[in-house]
Amino acid sequence: MELRPVLRTDFDRCAEIGFALQALGAFTTPCGWHDEPIPVDCVQSYLWDWCDPQLPRCLHAGPHRFEFLMSDSD
């Protein structure tokens, strides 16, 4: 019975990490990772290269404006 609180705490931590990663993706995308230095469409092996992961690059780029909410007619 002592295992249940530990599992709940671990689940809560995983949920918090997942929420943080989703928020990072929502507020920092696009960060240019898929275009620079090599377009991913041209060299798909770049997707498996761990020398330049997308997460740190998006963290460094910071949040972006939500341009899709803005319309040209306003």
PDB file of N, CA and C in Angstrom:
ATOM      1  N   MET A   1       0.806  -1.200   0.000  1.00  0.00           N
ATOM      2  CA  MET A   1       0.000   0.000   0.000  1.00  0.00           C
ATOM      3  C   MET A   1       0.854   1.270   0.000  1.00  0.00           C
ATOM      4  N   GLU A   2       2.087   1.193   0.393  1.00  0.00           N
ATOM      5  CA  GLU A   2       2.945   2.372   0.412  1.00  0.00           C
ATOM      6  C   GLU A   2       3.394   2.776  -0.989  1.00  0.00           C
ATOM      7  N   LEU A   3       3.247   1.898  -1.943  1.00  0.00           N
ATOM      8  CA  LEU A   3       3.685   2.176  -3.301  1.00  0.00           C
ATOM      9  C   LEU A   3       2.761   3.158  -4.019  1.00  0.00           C
ATOM     10  N   ARG A   4       1.509   3.177  -3.660  1.00  0.00           N
ATOM     11  CA  ARG A   4       0.532   4.017  -4.348  1.00  0.00           C
ATOM     12  C   ARG A   4       0.866   5.520  -4.302  1.00  0.00           C
ATOM     13  N   PRO A   5       1.232   6.126  -3.168  1.00  0.00           N
ATOM     14  CA  PRO A   5       1.591   7.553  -3.180  1.00  0.00           C
ATOM     15  C   PRO A   5       2.826   7.838  -4.037  1.00  0.00           C
ATOM     16  N   VAL A   6       3.760   6.910  -4.082  1.00  0.00           N
ATOM     17  CA  VAL A   6       4.952   7.099  -4.910  1.00  0.00           C
ATOM     18  C   VAL A   6       4.566   7.111  -6.380  1.00  0.00           C
ATOM     19  N   LEU A   7       3.702   6.187  -6.781  1.00  0.00           N
ATOM     20  CA  LEU A   7       3.257   6.140  -8.176  1.00  0.00           C
ATOM     21  C   LEU A   7       2.478   7.394  -8.544  1.00  0.00           C
ATOM     22  N   ARG A   8       1.666   7.890  -7.634  1.00  0.00           N
ATOM     23  CA  ARG A   8       0.899   9.100  -7.902  1.00  0.00           C
ATOM     24  C   ARG A   8       1.841  10.294  -8.070  1.00  0.00           C
ATOM     25  N   THR A   9       2.850  10.382  -7.232  1.00  0.00           N
ATOM     26  CA  THR A   9       3.822  11.470  -7.332  1.00  0.00           C
ATOM     27  C   THR A   9       4.591  11.381  -8.642  1.00  0.00           C
ATOM     28  N   ASP A  10       5.002  10.184  -9.029  1.00  0.00           N
ATOM     29  CA  ASP A  10       5.702  10.015 -10.300  1.00  0.00           C
ATOM     30  C   ASP A  10       4.800  10.377 -11.481  1.00  0.00           C
ATOM     31  N   PHE A  11       3.542   9.979 -11.412  1.00  0.00           N
ATOM     32  CA  PHE A  11       2.611  10.331 -12.473  1.00  0.00           C
ATOM     33  C   PHE A  11       2.429  11.839 -12.553  1.00  0.00           C
ATOM     34  N   ASP A  12       2.320  12.485 -11.412  1.00  0.00           N
ATOM     35  CA  ASP A  12       2.175  13.947 -11.395  1.00  0.00           C
ATOM     36  C   ASP A  12       3.395  14.625 -12.002  1.00  0.00           C
ATOM     37  N   ARG A  13       4.575  14.142 -11.685  1.00  0.00           N
ATOM     38  CA  ARG A  13       5.793  14.717 -12.271  1.00  0.00           C
ATOM     39  C   ARG A  13       5.824  14.539 -13.781  1.00  0.00           C
ATOM     40  N   CYS A  14       5.458  13.347 -14.244  1.00  0.00           N
ATOM     41  CA  CYS A  14       5.429  13.109 -15.695  1.00  0.00           C
ATOM     42  C   CYS A  14       4.404  14.012 -16.380  1.00  0.00           C
ATOM     43  N   ALA A  15       3.255  14.202 -15.753  1.00  0.00           N
ATOM     44  CA  ALA A  15       2.233  15.082 -16.318  1.00  0.00           C
ATOM     45  C   ALA A  15       2.721  16.523 -16.371  1.00  0.00           C
ATOM     46  N   GLU A  16       3.414  16.973 -15.335  1.00  0.00           N
ATOM     47  CA  GLU A  16       3.949  18.337 -15.324  1.00  0.00           C
ATOM     48  C   GLU A  16       5.012  18.531 -16.396  1.00  0.00           C
ATOM     49  N   ILE A  17       5.884  17.552 -16.570  1.00  0.00           N
ATOM     50  CA  ILE A  17       6.912  17.642 -17.609  1.00  0.00           C
ATOM     51  C   ILE A  17       6.259  17.656 -18.987  1.00  0.00           C
ATOM     52  N   GLY A  18       5.256  16.794 -19.187  1.00  0.00           N
ATOM     53  CA  GLY A  18       4.551  16.769 -20.464  1.00  0.00           C
ATOM     54  C   GLY A  18       3.853  18.082 -20.758  1.00  0.00           C
ATOM     55  N   PHE A  19       3.222  18.670 -19.753  1.00  0.00           N
ATOM     56  CA  PHE A  19       2.561  19.963 -19.925  1.00  0.00           C
ATOM     57  C   PHE A  19       3.578  21.049 -20.268  1.00  0.00           C
ATOM     58  N   ALA A  20       4.728  21.038 -19.596  1.00  0.00           N
ATOM     59  CA  ALA A  20       5.761  22.040 -19.862  1.00  0.00           C
ATOM     60  C   ALA A  20       6.304  21.909 -21.287  1.00  0.00           C
ATOM     61  N   LEU A  21       6.502  20.681 -21.754  1.00  0.00           N
ATOM     62  CA  LEU A  21       6.987  20.487 -23.123  1.00  0.00           C
ATOM     63  C   LEU A  21       5.954  20.932 -24.144  1.00  0.00           C
ATOM     64  N   GLN A  22       4.678  20.661 -23.887  1.00  0.00           N
ATOM     65  CA  GLN A  22       3.635  21.108 -24.807  1.00  0.00           C
ATOM     66  C   GLN A  22       3.537  22.628 -24.831  1.00  0.00           C
ATOM     67  N   ALA A  23       3.668  23.262 -23.685  1.00  0.00           N
ATOM     68  CA  ALA A  23       3.640  24.725 -23.629  1.00  0.00           C
ATOM     69  C   ALA A  23       4.839  25.309 -24.365  1.00  0.00           C
ATOM     70  N   LEU A  24       5.993  24.680 -24.210  1.00  0.00           N
ATOM     71  CA  LEU A  24       7.183  25.137 -24.932  1.00  0.00           C
ATOM     72  C   LEU A  24       6.943  25.068 -26.436  1.00  0.00           C
ATOM     73  N   GLY A  25       6.380  23.967 -26.901  1.00  0.00           N
ATOM     74  CA  GLY A  25       6.087  23.831 -28.319  1.00  0.00           C
ATOM     75  C   GLY A  25       5.042  24.818 -28.799  1.00  0.00           C
ATOM     76  N   ALA A  26       4.083  25.131 -27.949  1.00  0.00           N
ATOM     77  CA  ALA A  26       3.018  26.054 -28.343  1.00  0.00           C
ATOM     78  C   ALA A  26       3.514  27.487 -28.455  1.00  0.00           C
ATOM     79  N   PHE A  27       4.433  27.882 -27.605  1.00  0.00           N
ATOM     80  CA  PHE A  27       4.849  29.285 -27.561  1.00  0.00           C
ATOM     81  C   PHE A  27       6.157  29.589 -28.282  1.00  0.00           C
ATOM     82  N   THR A  28       6.944  28.577 -28.649  1.00  0.00           N
ATOM     83  CA  THR A  28       8.228  28.851 -29.295  1.00  0.00           C
ATOM     84  C   THR A  28       8.302  28.348 -30.726  1.00  0.00           C
ATOM     85  N   THR A  29       7.256  27.736 -31.231  1.00  0.00           N
ATOM     86  CA  THR A  29       7.276  27.209 -32.588  1.00  0.00           C
ATOM     87  C   THR A  29       6.837  28.279 -33.558  1.00  0.00           C
ATOM     88  N   PRO A  30       7.407  28.463 -34.688  1.00  0.00           N
ATOM     89  CA  PRO A  30       8.597  27.816 -35.210  1.00  0.00           C
ATOM     90  C   PRO A  30       9.860  28.519 -34.714  1.00  0.00           C
ATOM     91  N   CYS A  31      10.883  27.748 -34.464  1.00  0.00           N
ATOM     92  CA  CYS A  31      12.127  28.334 -33.966  1.00  0.00           C
ATOM     93  C   CYS A  31      13.242  28.245 -35.006  1.00  0.00           C
ATOM     94  N   GLY A  32      12.945  27.769 -36.200  1.00  0.00           N
ATOM     95  CA  GLY A  32      13.920  27.725 -37.271  1.00  0.00           C
ATOM     96  C   GLY A  32      14.754  26.466 -37.314  1.00  0.00           C
ATOM     97  N   TRP A  33      14.488  25.535 -36.424  1.00  0.00           N
ATOM     98  CA  TRP A  33      15.293  24.320 -36.361  1.00  0.00           C
ATOM     99  C   TRP A  33      15.186  23.499 -37.640  1.00  0.00           C
ATOM    100  N   HIS A  34      14.007  23.449 -38.230  1.00  0.00           N
ATOM    101  CA  HIS A  34      13.793  22.617 -39.412  1.00  0.00           C
ATOM    102  C   HIS A  34      14.354  23.241 -40.692  1.00  0.00           C
ATOM    103  N   ASP A  35      14.782  24.502 -40.657  1.00  0.00           N
ATOM    104  CA  ASP A  35      15.318  25.168 -41.847  1.00  0.00           C
ATOM    105  C   ASP A  35      16.814  25.441 -41.776  1.00  0.00           C
ATOM    106  N   GLU A  36      17.345  25.632 -40.593  1.00  0.00           N
ATOM    107  CA  GLU A  36      18.750  26.020 -40.442  1.00  0.00           C
ATOM    108  C   GLU A  36      19.503  24.989 -39.627  1.00  0.00           C
ATOM    109  N   PRO A  37      20.679  24.629 -39.895  1.00  0.00           N
ATOM    110  CA  PRO A  37      21.501  24.985 -41.045  1.00  0.00           C
ATOM    111  C   PRO A  37      21.171  24.168 -42.287  1.00  0.00           C
ATOM    112  N   ILE A  38      20.424  23.062 -42.100  1.00  0.00           N
ATOM    113  CA  ILE A  38      20.080  22.179 -43.213  1.00  0.00           C
ATOM    114  C   ILE A  38      18.560  22.022 -43.239  1.00  0.00           C
ATOM    115  N   PRO A  39      17.904  22.258 -44.377  1.00  0.00           N
ATOM    116  CA  PRO A  39      16.461  21.991 -44.433  1.00  0.00           C
ATOM    117  C   PRO A  39      16.176  20.498 -44.234  1.00  0.00           C
ATOM    118  N   VAL A  40      15.293  20.189 -43.334  1.00  0.00           N
ATOM    119  CA  VAL A  40      14.988  18.805 -43.003  1.00  0.00           C
ATOM    120  C   VAL A  40      14.402  18.072 -44.204  1.00  0.00           C
ATOM    121  N   ASP A  41      13.704  18.784 -45.083  1.00  0.00           N
ATOM    122  CA  ASP A  41      13.139  18.142 -46.267  1.00  0.00           C
ATOM    123  C   ASP A  41      14.214  17.612 -47.203  1.00  0.00           C
ATOM    124  N   CYS A  42      15.375  18.249 -47.200  1.00  0.00           N
ATOM    125  CA  CYS A  42      16.468  17.827 -48.086  1.00  0.00           C
ATOM    126  C   CYS A  42      17.314  16.713 -47.475  1.00  0.00           C
ATOM    127  N   VAL A  43      17.607  16.815 -46.195  1.00  0.00           N
ATOM    128  CA  VAL A  43      18.473  15.842 -45.530  1.00  0.00           C
ATOM    129  C   VAL A  43      17.737  15.327 -44.288  1.00  0.00           C
ATOM    130  N   GLN A  44      17.030  14.212 -44.445  1.00  0.00           N
ATOM    131  CA  GLN A  44      16.211  13.712 -43.343  1.00  0.00           C
ATOM    132  C   GLN A  44      17.034  13.072 -42.239  1.00  0.00           C
ATOM    133  N   SER A  45      18.295  12.801 -42.470  1.00  0.00           N
ATOM    134  CA  SER A  45      19.138  12.264 -41.400  1.00  0.00           C
ATOM    135  C   SER A  45      19.346  13.294 -40.299  1.00  0.00           C
ATOM    136  N   TYR A  46      19.092  14.565 -40.609  1.00  0.00           N
ATOM    137  CA  TYR A  46      19.202  15.624 -39.601  1.00  0.00           C
ATOM    138  C   TYR A  46      18.192  15.409 -38.478  1.00  0.00           C
ATOM    139  N   LEU A  47      17.091  14.724 -38.744  1.00  0.00           N
ATOM    140  CA  LEU A  47      16.093  14.440 -37.724  1.00  0.00           C
ATOM    141  C   LEU A  47      16.657  13.555 -36.613  1.00  0.00           C
ATOM    142  N   TRP A  48      17.659  12.733 -36.940  1.00  0.00           N
ATOM    143  CA  TRP A  48      18.237  11.800 -35.974  1.00  0.00           C
ATOM    144  C   TRP A  48      19.570  12.274 -35.428  1.00  0.00           C
ATOM    145  N   ASP A  49      19.972  13.499 -35.734  1.00  0.00           N
ATOM    146  CA  ASP A  49      21.237  14.053 -35.274  1.00  0.00           C
ATOM    147  C   ASP A  49      21.037  14.676 -33.896  1.00  0.00           C
ATOM    148  N   TRP A  50      21.722  14.154 -32.887  1.00  0.00           N
ATOM    149  CA  TRP A  50      21.563  14.629 -31.517  1.00  0.00           C
ATOM    150  C   TRP A  50      22.538  15.753 -31.178  1.00  0.00           C
ATOM    151  N   CYS A  51      23.304  16.237 -32.147  1.00  0.00           N
ATOM    152  CA  CYS A  51      24.242  17.336 -31.896  1.00  0.00           C
ATOM    153  C   CYS A  51      23.524  18.676 -31.781  1.00  0.00           C
ATOM    154  N   ASP A  52      22.361  18.805 -32.401  1.00  0.00           N
ATOM    155  CA  ASP A  52      21.609  20.061 -32.395  1.00  0.00           C
ATOM    156  C   ASP A  52      20.124  19.766 -32.214  1.00  0.00           C
ATOM    157  N   PRO A  53      19.691  19.395 -30.996  1.00  0.00           N
ATOM    158  CA  PRO A  53      18.285  19.055 -30.806  1.00  0.00           C
ATOM    159  C   PRO A  53      17.372  20.285 -30.851  1.00  0.00           C
ATOM    160  N   GLN A  54      16.129  20.055 -31.187  1.00  0.00           N
ATOM    161  CA  GLN A  54      15.156  21.132 -31.371  1.00  0.00           C
ATOM    162  C   GLN A  54      14.803  21.821 -30.056  1.00  0.00           C
ATOM    163  N   LEU A  55      14.695  21.088 -28.973  1.00  0.00           N
ATOM    164  CA  LEU A  55      14.274  21.657 -27.694  1.00  0.00           C
ATOM    165  C   LEU A  55      15.197  22.778 -27.209  1.00  0.00           C
ATOM    166  N   PRO A  56      16.516  22.581 -27.118  1.00  0.00           N
ATOM    167  CA  PRO A  56      17.362  23.693 -26.671  1.00  0.00           C
ATOM    168  C   PRO A  56      17.345  24.885 -27.624  1.00  0.00           C
ATOM    169  N   ARG A  57      17.238  24.620 -28.928  1.00  0.00           N
ATOM    170  CA  ARG A  57      17.218  25.738 -29.870  1.00  0.00           C
ATOM    171  C   ARG A  57      15.948  26.567 -29.702  1.00  0.00           C
ATOM    172  N   CYS A  58      14.822  25.914 -29.483  1.00  0.00           N
ATOM    173  CA  CYS A  58      13.574  26.658 -29.275  1.00  0.00           C
ATOM    174  C   CYS A  58      13.595  27.405 -27.944  1.00  0.00           C
ATOM    175  N   LEU A  59      14.205  26.820 -26.927  1.00  0.00           N
ATOM    176  CA  LEU A  59      14.342  27.530 -25.649  1.00  0.00           C
ATOM    177  C   LEU A  59      15.187  28.785 -25.821  1.00  0.00           C
ATOM    178  N   HIS A  60      16.259  28.677 -26.587  1.00  0.00           N
ATOM    179  CA  HIS A  60      17.144  29.821 -26.816  1.00  0.00           C
ATOM    180  C   HIS A  60      16.456  30.900 -27.657  1.00  0.00           C
ATOM    181  N   ALA A  61      15.627  30.475 -28.613  1.00  0.00           N
ATOM    182  CA  ALA A  61      14.946  31.438 -29.480  1.00  0.00           C
ATOM    183  C   ALA A  61      13.883  32.228 -28.714  1.00  0.00           C
ATOM    184  N   GLY A  62      13.281  31.618 -27.714  1.00  0.00           N
ATOM    185  CA  GLY A  62      12.272  32.310 -26.921  1.00  0.00           C
ATOM    186  C   GLY A  62      10.898  32.286 -27.569  1.00  0.00           C
ATOM    187  N   PRO A  63       9.916  32.855 -26.883  1.00  0.00           N
ATOM    188  CA  PRO A  63       8.545  32.826 -27.385  1.00  0.00           C
ATOM    189  C   PRO A  63       8.343  33.746 -28.591  1.00  0.00           C
ATOM    190  N   HIS A  64       7.340  33.416 -29.390  1.00  0.00           N
ATOM    191  CA  HIS A  64       6.992  34.189 -30.585  1.00  0.00           C
ATOM    192  C   HIS A  64       5.582  34.737 -30.449  1.00  0.00           C
ATOM    193  N   ARG A  65       5.288  35.740 -31.262  1.00  0.00           N
ATOM    194  CA  ARG A  65       3.925  36.272 -31.316  1.00  0.00           C
ATOM    195  C   ARG A  65       3.008  35.265 -31.991  1.00  0.00           C
ATOM    196  N   PHE A  66       1.747  35.323 -31.656  1.00  0.00           N
ATOM    197  CA  PHE A  66       0.762  34.481 -32.311  1.00  0.00           C
ATOM    198  C   PHE A  66       0.264  35.198 -33.553  1.00  0.00           C
ATOM    199  N   GLU A  67       0.991  35.073 -34.642  1.00  0.00           N
ATOM    200  CA  GLU A  67       0.630  35.773 -35.871  1.00  0.00           C
ATOM    201  C   GLU A  67      -0.625  35.209 -36.512  1.00  0.00           C
ATOM    202  N   PHE A  68      -0.922  33.944 -36.256  1.00  0.00           N
ATOM    203  CA  PHE A  68      -2.104  33.366 -36.882  1.00  0.00           C
ATOM    204  C   PHE A  68      -3.394  33.959 -36.301  1.00  0.00           C
ATOM    205  N   LEU A  69      -3.309  34.618 -35.156  1.00  0.00           N
ATOM    206  CA  LEU A  69      -4.487  35.272 -34.583  1.00  0.00           C
ATOM    207  C   LEU A  69      -4.707  36.670 -35.173  1.00  0.00           C
ATOM    208  N   MET A  70      -3.697  37.211 -35.787  1.00  0.00           N
ATOM    209  CA  MET A  70      -3.793  38.541 -36.375  1.00  0.00           C
ATOM    210  C   MET A  70      -4.300  38.413 -37.813  1.00  0.00           C
ATOM    211  N   SER A  71      -5.152  39.319 -38.229  1.00  0.00           N
ATOM    212  CA  SER A  71      -5.603  39.313 -39.613  1.00  0.00           C
ATOM    213  C   SER A  71      -5.082  40.562 -40.314  1.00  0.00           C
ATOM    214  N   ASP A  72      -4.932  40.485 -41.608  1.00  0.00           N
ATOM    215  CA  ASP A  72      -4.419  41.607 -42.387  1.00  0.00           C
ATOM    216  C   ASP A  72      -5.434  42.743 -42.472  1.00  0.00           C
ATOM    217  N   SER A  73      -6.700  42.463 -42.287  1.00  0.00           N
ATOM    218  CA  SER A  73      -7.724  43.499 -42.433  1.00  0.00           C
ATOM    219  C   SER A  73      -7.854  44.397 -41.199  1.00  0.00           C
ATOM    220  N   ASP A  74      -7.228  44.017 -40.091  1.00  0.00           N
ATOM    221  CA  ASP A  74      -7.336  44.846 -38.867  1.00  0.00           C
ATOM    222  C   ASP A  74      -6.475  46.059 -38.923  1.00  0.00           C
TER     223      ASP A  74
END
